[in-house]
PDB file of N, CA and C in Angstrom:
ATOM      1  N   MET A   1       0.848  -1.180   0.000  1.00  0.00           N
ATOM      2  CA  MET A   1       0.000   0.000   0.000  1.00  0.00           C
ATOM      3  C   MET A   1       0.892   1.240   0.000  1.00  0.00           C
ATOM      4  N   VAL A   2       0.556   2.189  -0.832  1.00  0.00           N
ATOM      5  CA  VAL A   2       1.307   3.440  -0.912  1.00  0.00           C
ATOM      6  C   VAL A   2       0.524   4.525  -0.190  1.00  0.00           C
ATOM      7  N   LYS A   3       1.171   5.112   0.794  1.00  0.00           N
ATOM      8  CA  LYS A   3       0.580   6.232   1.512  1.00  0.00           C
ATOM      9  C   LYS A   3       0.922   7.511   0.761  1.00  0.00           C
ATOM     10  N   THR A   4       0.004   8.457   0.766  1.00  0.00           N
ATOM     11  CA  THR A   4       0.222   9.728   0.089  1.00  0.00           C
ATOM     12  C   THR A   4       0.134  10.874   1.086  1.00  0.00           C
ATOM     13  N   ASP A   5       1.170  11.685   1.122  1.00  0.00           N
ATOM     14  CA  ASP A   5       1.164  12.926   1.893  1.00  0.00           C
ATOM     15  C   ASP A   5       0.946  14.057   0.903  1.00  0.00           C
ATOM     16  N   ILE A   6      -0.084  14.863   1.148  1.00  0.00           N
ATOM     17  CA  ILE A   6      -0.352  16.029   0.308  1.00  0.00           C
ATOM     18  C   ILE A   6      -0.015  17.259   1.144  1.00  0.00           C
ATOM     19  N   TRP A   7       0.993  18.001   0.701  1.00  0.00           N
ATOM     20  CA  TRP A   7       1.476  19.167   1.433  1.00  0.00           C
ATOM     21  C   TRP A   7       0.831  20.427   0.886  1.00  0.00           C
ATOM     22  N   VAL A   8       0.360  21.266   1.784  1.00  0.00           N
ATOM     23  CA  VAL A   8      -0.215  22.561   1.440  1.00  0.00           C
ATOM     24  C   VAL A   8       0.397  23.620   2.340  1.00  0.00           C
ATOM     25  N   GLU A   9       0.056  24.879   2.090  1.00  0.00           N
ATOM     26  CA  GLU A   9       0.699  25.978   2.818  1.00  0.00           C
ATOM     27  C   GLU A   9       0.100  26.266   4.185  1.00  0.00           C
ATOM     28  N   GLY A  10      -1.133  25.925   4.437  1.00  0.00           N
ATOM     29  CA  GLY A  10      -1.706  26.290   5.727  1.00  0.00           C
ATOM     30  C   GLY A  10      -2.969  25.501   6.051  1.00  0.00           C
ATOM     31  N   THR A  11      -3.512  25.775   7.227  1.00  0.00           N
ATOM     32  CA  THR A  11      -4.693  25.078   7.722  1.00  0.00           C
ATOM     33  C   THR A  11      -5.911  25.297   6.828  1.00  0.00           C
ATOM     34  N   ALA A  12      -6.095  26.526   6.338  1.00  0.00           N
ATOM     35  CA  ALA A  12      -7.229  26.796   5.458  1.00  0.00           C
ATOM     36  C   ALA A  12      -7.135  25.948   4.193  1.00  0.00           C
ATOM     37  N   ASP A  13      -5.918  25.749   3.692  1.00  0.00           N
ATOM     38  CA  ASP A  13      -5.717  24.911   2.512  1.00  0.00           C
ATOM     39  C   ASP A  13      -6.034  23.446   2.818  1.00  0.00           C
ATOM     40  N   GLN A  14      -5.654  22.979   4.017  1.00  0.00           N
ATOM     41  CA  GLN A  14      -5.985  21.610   4.424  1.00  0.00           C
ATOM     42  C   GLN A  14      -7.499  21.414   4.438  1.00  0.00           C
ATOM     43  N   LYS A  15      -8.195  22.339   5.056  1.00  0.00           N
ATOM     44  CA  LYS A  15      -9.650  22.257   5.172  1.00  0.00           C
ATOM     45  C   LYS A  15     -10.307  22.276   3.792  1.00  0.00           C
ATOM     46  N   PHE A  16      -9.862  23.195   2.938  1.00  0.00           N
ATOM     47  CA  PHE A  16     -10.421  23.301   1.599  1.00  0.00           C
ATOM     48  C   PHE A  16     -10.219  21.992   0.827  1.00  0.00           C
ATOM     49  N   LEU A  17      -9.011  21.466   0.851  1.00  0.00           N
ATOM     50  CA  LEU A  17      -8.719  20.243   0.102  1.00  0.00           C
ATOM     51  C   LEU A  17      -9.488  19.051   0.674  1.00  0.00           C
ATOM     52  N   ALA A  18      -9.594  18.965   1.989  1.00  0.00           N
ATOM     53  CA  ALA A  18     -10.384  17.891   2.602  1.00  0.00           C
ATOM     54  C   ALA A  18     -11.838  17.973   2.150  1.00  0.00           C
ATOM     55  N   ASP A  19     -12.386  19.174   2.123  1.00  0.00           N
ATOM     56  CA  ASP A  19     -13.775  19.359   1.675  1.00  0.00           C
ATOM     57  C   ASP A  19     -13.947  18.962   0.209  1.00  0.00           C
ATOM     58  N   VAL A  20     -12.986  19.349  -0.635  1.00  0.00           N
ATOM     59  CA  VAL A  20     -13.058  19.010  -2.064  1.00  0.00           C
ATOM     60  C   VAL A  20     -12.989  17.497  -2.255  1.00  0.00           C
ATOM     61  N   LEU A  21     -12.042  16.851  -1.595  1.00  0.00           N
ATOM     62  CA  LEU A  21     -11.899  15.400  -1.748  1.00  0.00           C
ATOM     63  C   LEU A  21     -13.106  14.644  -1.213  1.00  0.00           C
ATOM     64  N   GLU A  22     -13.694  15.162  -0.150  1.00  0.00           N
ATOM     65  CA  GLU A  22     -14.902  14.541   0.380  1.00  0.00           C
ATOM     66  C   GLU A  22     -16.066  14.705  -0.597  1.00  0.00           C
ATOM     67  N   GLN A  23     -16.242  15.895  -1.116  1.00  0.00           N
ATOM     68  CA  GLN A  23     -17.357  16.171  -2.023  1.00  0.00           C
ATOM     69  C   GLN A  23     -17.216  15.427  -3.349  1.00  0.00           C
ATOM     70  N   TRP A  24     -16.026  15.471  -3.931  1.00  0.00           N
ATOM     71  CA  TRP A  24     -15.826  14.886  -5.255  1.00  0.00           C
ATOM     72  C   TRP A  24     -15.633  13.369  -5.231  1.00  0.00           C
ATOM     73  N   PHE A  25     -14.942  12.859  -4.187  1.00  0.00           N
ATOM     74  CA  PHE A  25     -14.552  11.449  -4.183  1.00  0.00           C
ATOM     75  C   PHE A  25     -15.023  10.668  -2.956  1.00  0.00           C
ATOM     76  N   SER A  26     -15.811  11.310  -2.091  1.00  0.00           N
ATOM     77  CA  SER A  26     -16.321  10.683  -0.863  1.00  0.00           C
ATOM     78  C   SER A  26     -15.194  10.178   0.044  1.00  0.00           C
ATOM     79  N   ILE A  27     -14.068  10.872   0.032  1.00  0.00           N
ATOM     80  CA  ILE A  27     -12.949  10.535   0.913  1.00  0.00           C
ATOM     81  C   ILE A  27     -13.152  11.284   2.219  1.00  0.00           C
ATOM     82  N   GLN A  28     -13.196  10.560   3.314  1.00  0.00           N
ATOM     83  CA  GLN A  28     -13.442  11.151   4.628  1.00  0.00           C
ATOM     84  C   GLN A  28     -12.118  11.354   5.378  1.00  0.00           C
ATOM     85  N   PHE A  29     -11.954  12.537   5.957  1.00  0.00           N
ATOM     86  CA  PHE A  29     -10.773  12.847   6.757  1.00  0.00           C
ATOM     87  C   PHE A  29     -11.188  13.063   8.201  1.00  0.00           C
ATOM     88  N   ASP A  30     -10.290  12.696   9.124  1.00  0.00           N
ATOM     89  CA  ASP A  30     -10.559  12.953  10.537  1.00  0.00           C
ATOM     90  C   ASP A  30     -10.074  14.360  10.891  1.00  0.00           C
ATOM     91  N   MET A  31     -10.122  14.694  12.160  1.00  0.00           N
ATOM     92  CA  MET A  31      -9.744  16.038  12.612  1.00  0.00           C
ATOM     93  C   MET A  31      -8.252  16.327  12.403  1.00  0.00           C
ATOM     94  N   ARG A  32      -7.456  15.279  12.230  1.00  0.00           N
ATOM     95  CA  ARG A  32      -6.021  15.464  11.986  1.00  0.00           C
ATOM     96  C   ARG A  32      -5.716  15.473  10.490  1.00  0.00           C
ATOM     97  N   PHE A  33      -6.761  15.581   9.673  1.00  0.00           N
ATOM     98  CA  PHE A  33      -6.638  15.580   8.217  1.00  0.00           C
ATOM     99  C   PHE A  33      -5.974  14.300   7.714  1.00  0.00           C
ATOM    100  N   GLU A  34      -6.415  13.168   8.268  1.00  0.00           N
ATOM    101  CA  GLU A  34      -5.921  11.869   7.836  1.00  0.00           C
ATOM    102  C   GLU A  34      -7.096  11.010   7.377  1.00  0.00           C
ATOM    103  N   CYS A  35      -6.873  10.262   6.311  1.00  0.00           N
ATOM    104  CA  CYS A  35      -7.849   9.300   5.808  1.00  0.00           C
ATOM    105  C   CYS A  35      -7.259   7.919   6.076  1.00  0.00           C
ATOM    106  N   ARG A  36      -8.022   7.052   6.737  1.00  0.00           N
ATOM    107  CA  ARG A  36      -7.521   5.727   7.118  1.00  0.00           C
ATOM    108  C   ARG A  36      -8.369   4.627   6.498  1.00  0.00           C
ATOM    109  N   ASP A  37      -7.742   3.478   6.314  1.00  0.00           N
ATOM    110  CA  ASP A  37      -8.496   2.324   5.844  1.00  0.00           C
ATOM    111  C   ASP A  37      -9.191   1.655   7.024  1.00  0.00           C
ATOM    112  N   GLU A  38      -9.891   0.561   6.757  1.00  0.00           N
ATOM    113  CA  GLU A  38     -10.653  -0.114   7.814  1.00  0.00           C
ATOM    114  C   GLU A  38      -9.768  -0.708   8.907  1.00  0.00           C
ATOM    115  N   LEU A  39      -8.468  -0.880   8.644  1.00  0.00           N
ATOM    116  CA  LEU A  39      -7.535  -1.381   9.652  1.00  0.00           C
ATOM    117  C   LEU A  39      -6.845  -0.261  10.423  1.00  0.00           C
ATOM    118  N   GLY A  40      -7.150   0.973  10.057  1.00  0.00           N
ATOM    119  CA  GLY A  40      -6.560   2.122  10.744  1.00  0.00           C
ATOM    120  C   GLY A  40      -5.270   2.628  10.131  1.00  0.00           C
ATOM    121  N   ASN A  41      -4.856   2.045   9.015  1.00  0.00           N
ATOM    122  CA  ASN A  41      -3.644   2.509   8.337  1.00  0.00           C
ATOM    123  C   ASN A  41      -3.923   3.832   7.629  1.00  0.00           C
ATOM    124  N   ILE A  42      -2.972   4.747   7.711  1.00  0.00           N
ATOM    125  CA  ILE A  42      -3.129   6.036   7.039  1.00  0.00           C
ATOM    126  C   ILE A  42      -2.952   5.840   5.543  1.00  0.00           C
ATOM    127  N   LEU A  43      -3.942   6.283   4.787  1.00  0.00           N
ATOM    128  CA  LEU A  43      -3.874   6.227   3.329  1.00  0.00           C
ATOM    129  C   LEU A  43      -3.466   7.571   2.739  1.00  0.00           C
ATOM    130  N   ILE A  44      -4.104   8.627   3.220  1.00  0.00           N
ATOM    131  CA  ILE A  44      -3.822   9.983   2.748  1.00  0.00           C
ATOM    132  C   ILE A  44      -3.714  10.889   3.967  1.00  0.00           C
ATOM    133  N   ARG A  45      -2.696  11.723   3.960  1.00  0.00           N
ATOM    134  CA  ARG A  45      -2.527  12.688   5.043  1.00  0.00           C
ATOM    135  C   ARG A  45      -2.345  14.058   4.413  1.00  0.00           C
ATOM    136  N   LEU A  46      -3.158  15.014   4.821  1.00  0.00           N
ATOM    137  CA  LEU A  46      -3.027  16.400   4.356  1.00  0.00           C
ATOM    138  C   LEU A  46      -2.133  17.122   5.345  1.00  0.00           C
ATOM    139  N   ARG A  47      -0.948  17.508   4.914  1.00  0.00           N
ATOM    140  CA  ARG A  47       0.031  18.106   5.809  1.00  0.00           C
ATOM    141  C   ARG A  47       0.266  19.549   5.398  1.00  0.00           C
ATOM    142  N   LYS A  48       0.693  20.348   6.360  1.00  0.00           N
ATOM    143  CA  LYS A  48       1.005  21.737   6.038  1.00  0.00           C
ATOM    144  C   LYS A  48       2.451  22.026   6.383  1.00  0.00           C
ATOM    145  N   GLY A  49       3.067  22.782   5.504  1.00  0.00           N
ATOM    146  CA  GLY A  49       4.400  23.288   5.761  1.00  0.00           C
ATOM    147  C   GLY A  49       4.255  24.731   6.188  1.00  0.00           C
ATOM    148  N   LYS A  50       5.276  25.257   6.790  1.00  0.00           N
ATOM    149  CA  LYS A  50       5.242  26.684   7.104  1.00  0.00           C
ATOM    150  C   LYS A  50       5.271  27.450   5.800  1.00  0.00           C
ATOM    151  N   GLU A  51       4.486  28.515   5.721  1.00  0.00           N
ATOM    152  CA  GLU A  51       4.418  29.278   4.476  1.00  0.00           C
ATOM    153  C   GLU A  51       5.801  29.705   4.014  1.00  0.00           C
ATOM    154  N   SER A  52       6.658  30.070   4.952  1.00  0.00           N
ATOM    155  CA  SER A  52       8.006  30.500   4.584  1.00  0.00           C
ATOM    156  C   SER A  52       8.808  29.369   3.949  1.00  0.00           C
ATOM    157  N   SER A  53       8.414  28.128   4.201  1.00  0.00           N
ATOM    158  CA  SER A  53       9.115  26.990   3.612  1.00  0.00           C
ATOM    159  C   SER A  53       8.997  26.971   2.107  1.00  0.00           C
ATOM    160  N   PHE A  54       7.947  27.557   1.580  1.00  0.00           N
ATOM    161  CA  PHE A  54       7.689  27.497   0.149  1.00  0.00           C
ATOM    162  C   PHE A  54       8.025  28.801  -0.567  1.00  0.00           C
ATOM    163  N   ASN A  55       8.562  29.786   0.159  1.00  0.00           N
ATOM    164  CA  ASN A  55       8.742  31.109  -0.432  1.00  0.00           C
ATOM    165  C   ASN A  55      10.194  31.553  -0.600  1.00  0.00           C
ATOM    166  N   SER A  56      11.148  30.706  -0.269  1.00  0.00           N
ATOM    167  CA  SER A  56      12.550  31.092  -0.413  1.00  0.00           C
ATOM    168  C   SER A  56      13.399  29.854  -0.634  1.00  0.00           C
ATOM    169  N   LYS A  57      14.585  30.047  -1.196  1.00  0.00           N
ATOM    170  CA  LYS A  57      15.487  28.914  -1.431  1.00  0.00           C
ATOM    171  C   LYS A  57      15.837  28.235  -0.111  1.00  0.00           C
ATOM    172  N   ALA A  58      16.131  29.026   0.926  1.00  0.00           N
ATOM    173  CA  ALA A  58      16.461  28.441   2.229  1.00  0.00           C
ATOM    174  C   ALA A  58      15.281  27.643   2.767  1.00  0.00           C
ATOM    175  N   GLY A  59      14.091  28.181   2.573  1.00  0.00           N
ATOM    176  CA  GLY A  59      12.900  27.466   3.025  1.00  0.00           C
ATOM    177  C   GLY A  59      12.734  26.140   2.319  1.00  0.00           C
ATOM    178  N   TRP A  60      12.935  26.149   1.001  1.00  0.00           N
ATOM    179  CA  TRP A  60      12.840  24.899   0.232  1.00  0.00           C
ATOM    180  C   TRP A  60      13.869  23.901   0.728  1.00  0.00           C
ATOM    181  N   GLU A  61      15.113  24.355   0.930  1.00  0.00           N
ATOM    182  CA  GLU A  61      16.175  23.447   1.351  1.00  0.00           C
ATOM    183  C   GLU A  61      15.883  22.845   2.729  1.00  0.00           C
ATOM    184  N   ASN A  62      15.321  23.647   3.636  1.00  0.00           N
ATOM    185  CA  ASN A  62      14.994  23.131   4.966  1.00  0.00           C
ATOM    186  C   ASN A  62      13.804  22.184   4.942  1.00  0.00           C
ATOM    187  N   THR A  63      12.905  22.387   4.020  1.00  0.00           N
ATOM    188  CA  THR A  63      11.687  21.592   3.947  1.00  0.00           C
ATOM    189  C   THR A  63      11.871  20.352   3.083  1.00  0.00           C
ATOM    190  N   LYS A  64      12.769  20.402   2.137  1.00  0.00           N
ATOM    191  CA  LYS A  64      12.964  19.342   1.157  1.00  0.00           C
ATOM    192  C   LYS A  64      13.083  17.937   1.770  1.00  0.00           C
ATOM    193  N   PRO A  65      13.821  17.738   2.861  1.00  0.00           N
ATOM    194  CA  PRO A  65      13.914  16.382   3.420  1.00  0.00           C
ATOM    195  C   PRO A  65      12.551  15.773   3.789  1.00  0.00           C
ATOM    196  N   ASN A  66      11.559  16.596   4.076  1.00  0.00           N
ATOM    197  CA  ASN A  66      10.233  16.073   4.384  1.00  0.00           C
ATOM    198  C   ASN A  66       9.607  15.374   3.185  1.00  0.00           C
ATOM    199  N   PHE A  67      10.030  15.728   1.991  1.00  0.00           N
ATOM    200  CA  PHE A  67       9.421  15.201   0.780  1.00  0.00           C
ATOM    201  C   PHE A  67      10.221  14.076   0.149  1.00  0.00           C
ATOM    202  N   GLU A  68      11.421  13.816   0.620  1.00  0.00           N
ATOM    203  CA  GLU A  68      12.318  12.880  -0.058  1.00  0.00           C
ATOM    204  C   GLU A  68      12.499  11.590   0.720  1.00  0.00           C
ATOM    205  N   GLY A  69      11.570  10.668   0.571  1.00  0.00           N
ATOM    206  CA  GLY A  69      11.743   9.334   1.101  1.00  0.00           C
ATOM    207  C   GLY A  69      11.787   9.219   2.606  1.00  0.00           C
ATOM    208  N   LYS A  70      11.280  10.197   3.317  1.00  0.00           N
ATOM    209  CA  LYS A  70      11.264  10.109   4.774  1.00  0.00           C
ATOM    210  C   LYS A  70      10.533   8.843   5.214  1.00  0.00           C
ATOM    211  N   ASP A  71       9.399   8.589   4.587  1.00  0.00           N
ATOM    212  CA  ASP A  71       8.653   7.355   4.811  1.00  0.00           C
ATOM    213  C   ASP A  71       8.747   6.551   3.530  1.00  0.00           C
ATOM    214  N   ARG A  72       9.573   5.536   3.511  1.00  0.00           N
ATOM    215  CA  ARG A  72       9.724   4.721   2.308  1.00  0.00           C
ATOM    216  C   ARG A  72       8.366   4.189   1.872  1.00  0.00           C
ATOM    217  N   GLY A  73       8.140   4.220   0.589  1.00  0.00           N
ATOM    218  CA  GLY A  73       6.887   3.716   0.060  1.00  0.00           C
ATOM    219  C   GLY A  73       5.770   4.739   0.042  1.00  0.00           C
ATOM    220  N   SER A  74       6.038   5.936   0.508  1.00  0.00           N
ATOM    221  CA  SER A  74       4.997   6.956   0.479  1.00  0.00           C
ATOM    222  C   SER A  74       5.277   7.917  -0.677  1.00  0.00           C
ATOM    223  N   LYS A  75       4.243   8.595  -1.100  1.00  0.00           N
ATOM    224  CA  LYS A  75       4.364   9.614  -2.134  1.00  0.00           C
ATOM    225  C   LYS A  75       4.029  10.956  -1.520  1.00  0.00           C
ATOM    226  N   SER A  76       4.695  11.985  -1.996  1.00  0.00           N
ATOM    227  CA  SER A  76       4.399  13.341  -1.549  1.00  0.00           C
ATOM    228  C   SER A  76       3.933  14.164  -2.738  1.00  0.00           C
ATOM    229  N   ILE A  77       2.880  14.922  -2.510  1.00  0.00           N
ATOM    230  CA  ILE A  77       2.358  15.868  -3.487  1.00  0.00           C
ATOM    231  C   ILE A  77       2.380  17.229  -2.820  1.00  0.00           C
ATOM    232  N   ILE A  78       2.870  18.238  -3.513  1.00  0.00           N
ATOM    233  CA  ILE A  78       2.934  19.588  -2.965  1.00  0.00           C
ATOM    234  C   ILE A  78       1.990  20.469  -3.775  1.00  0.00           C
ATOM    235  N   ILE A  79       1.071  21.141  -3.095  1.00  0.00           N
ATOM    236  CA  ILE A  79       0.143  22.054  -3.747  1.00  0.00           C
ATOM    237  C   ILE A  79       0.439  23.455  -3.226  1.00  0.00           C
ATOM    238  N   LEU A  80       0.789  24.345  -4.135  1.00  0.00           N
ATOM    239  CA  LEU A  80       1.148  25.709  -3.763  1.00  0.00           C
ATOM    240  C   LEU A  80       0.132  26.694  -4.313  1.00  0.00           C
ATOM    241  N   ASP A  81      -0.119  27.748  -3.556  1.00  0.00           N
ATOM    242  CA  ASP A  81      -0.950  28.849  -4.040  1.00  0.00           C
ATOM    243  C   ASP A  81      -0.155  29.673  -5.033  1.00  0.00           C
ATOM    244  N   ALA A  82      -0.832  30.204  -6.018  1.00  0.00           N
ATOM    245  CA  ALA A  82      -0.176  31.120  -6.959  1.00  0.00           C
ATOM    246  C   ALA A  82      -0.113  32.521  -6.369  1.00  0.00           C
ATOM    247  N   ASP A  83      -0.893  32.754  -5.326  1.00  0.00           N
ATOM    248  CA  ASP A  83      -0.999  34.074  -4.718  1.00  0.00           C
ATOM    249  C   ASP A  83      -1.433  35.085  -5.782  1.00  0.00           C
ATOM    250  N   GLU A  84      -0.805  36.243  -5.843  1.00  0.00           N
ATOM    251  CA  GLU A  84      -1.254  37.266  -6.781  1.00  0.00           C
ATOM    252  C   GLU A  84      -0.651  37.124  -8.166  1.00  0.00           C
ATOM    253  N   ASN A  85       0.446  36.380  -8.291  1.00  0.00           N
ATOM    254  CA  ASN A  85       1.162  36.370  -9.558  1.00  0.00           C
ATOM    255  C   ASN A  85       1.561  34.944  -9.930  1.00  0.00           C
ATOM    256  N   PHE A  86       0.798  34.334 -10.830  1.00  0.00           N
ATOM    257  CA  PHE A  86       1.034  32.957 -11.239  1.00  0.00           C
ATOM    258  C   PHE A  86       2.427  32.775 -11.836  1.00  0.00           C
ATOM    259  N   ASP A  87       2.824  33.635 -12.742  1.00  0.00           N
ATOM    260  CA  ASP A  87       4.123  33.505 -13.406  1.00  0.00           C
ATOM    261  C   ASP A  87       5.275  33.605 -12.409  1.00  0.00           C
ATOM    262  N   LYS A  88       5.148  34.525 -11.450  1.00  0.00           N
ATOM    263  CA  LYS A  88       6.184  34.663 -10.423  1.00  0.00           C
ATOM    264  C   LYS A  88       6.286  33.385  -9.589  1.00  0.00           C
ATOM    265  N   ARG A  89       5.150  32.787  -9.249  1.00  0.00           N
ATOM    266  CA  ARG A  89       5.149  31.573  -8.442  1.00  0.00           C
ATOM    267  C   ARG A  89       5.794  30.416  -9.199  1.00  0.00           C
ATOM    268  N   ILE A  90       5.493  30.292 -10.476  1.00  0.00           N
ATOM    269  CA  ILE A  90       6.110  29.239 -11.289  1.00  0.00           C
ATOM    270  C   ILE A  90       7.626  29.419 -11.322  1.00  0.00           C
ATOM    271  N   LYS A  91       8.083  30.662 -11.479  1.00  0.00           N
ATOM    272  CA  LYS A  91       9.525  30.945 -11.497  1.00  0.00           C
ATOM    273  C   LYS A  91      10.152  30.574 -10.153  1.00  0.00           C
ATOM    274  N   GLU A  92       9.508  30.910  -9.036  1.00  0.00           N
ATOM    275  CA  GLU A  92      10.025  30.550  -7.711  1.00  0.00           C
ATOM    276  C   GLU A  92      10.192  29.038  -7.584  1.00  0.00           C
ATOM    277  N   VAL A  93       9.200  28.310  -8.018  1.00  0.00           N
ATOM    278  CA  VAL A  93       9.262  26.847  -7.908  1.00  0.00           C
ATOM    279  C   VAL A  93      10.397  26.307  -8.762  1.00  0.00           C
ATOM    280  N   LYS A  94      10.508  26.771  -9.981  1.00  0.00           N
ATOM    281  CA  LYS A  94      11.583  26.295 -10.868  1.00  0.00           C
ATOM    282  C   LYS A  94      12.956  26.671 -10.328  1.00  0.00           C
ATOM    283  N   ASP A  95      13.105  27.888  -9.798  1.00  0.00           N
ATOM    284  CA  ASP A  95      14.394  28.346  -9.278  1.00  0.00           C
ATOM    285  C   ASP A  95      14.803  27.622  -8.006  1.00  0.00           C
ATOM    286  N   HIS A  96      13.852  27.185  -7.212  1.00  0.00           N
ATOM    287  CA  HIS A  96      14.170  26.603  -5.905  1.00  0.00           C
ATOM    288  C   HIS A  96      14.036  25.102  -5.861  1.00  0.00           C
ATOM    289  N   HIS A  97      13.699  24.494  -6.944  1.00  0.00           N
ATOM    290  CA  HIS A  97      13.508  23.040  -6.945  1.00  0.00           C
ATOM    291  C   HIS A  97      14.802  22.315  -6.951  1.00  0.00           C
TER     292      HIS A  97
END
């Protein structure tokens, strides 16, 4: 079984994504933003990084280990806000990846 961690910038993003996944796919999350199977194993976890982690090269470097094989067999997905400027955000991601 592959566990998936979905990283977002903040609590409001966790709540929004949990609501979307519940509405569209009937995926239920608990108060810790975790979806578990009938045996209690975590299938999907909505996690938040500090906003500063996604806004600077130093932040990316400090946060990067969280996404790289920390839990073998898990996948990480990162969802970032474009904020006010989509093109600027894309450049930040490309420059700091």
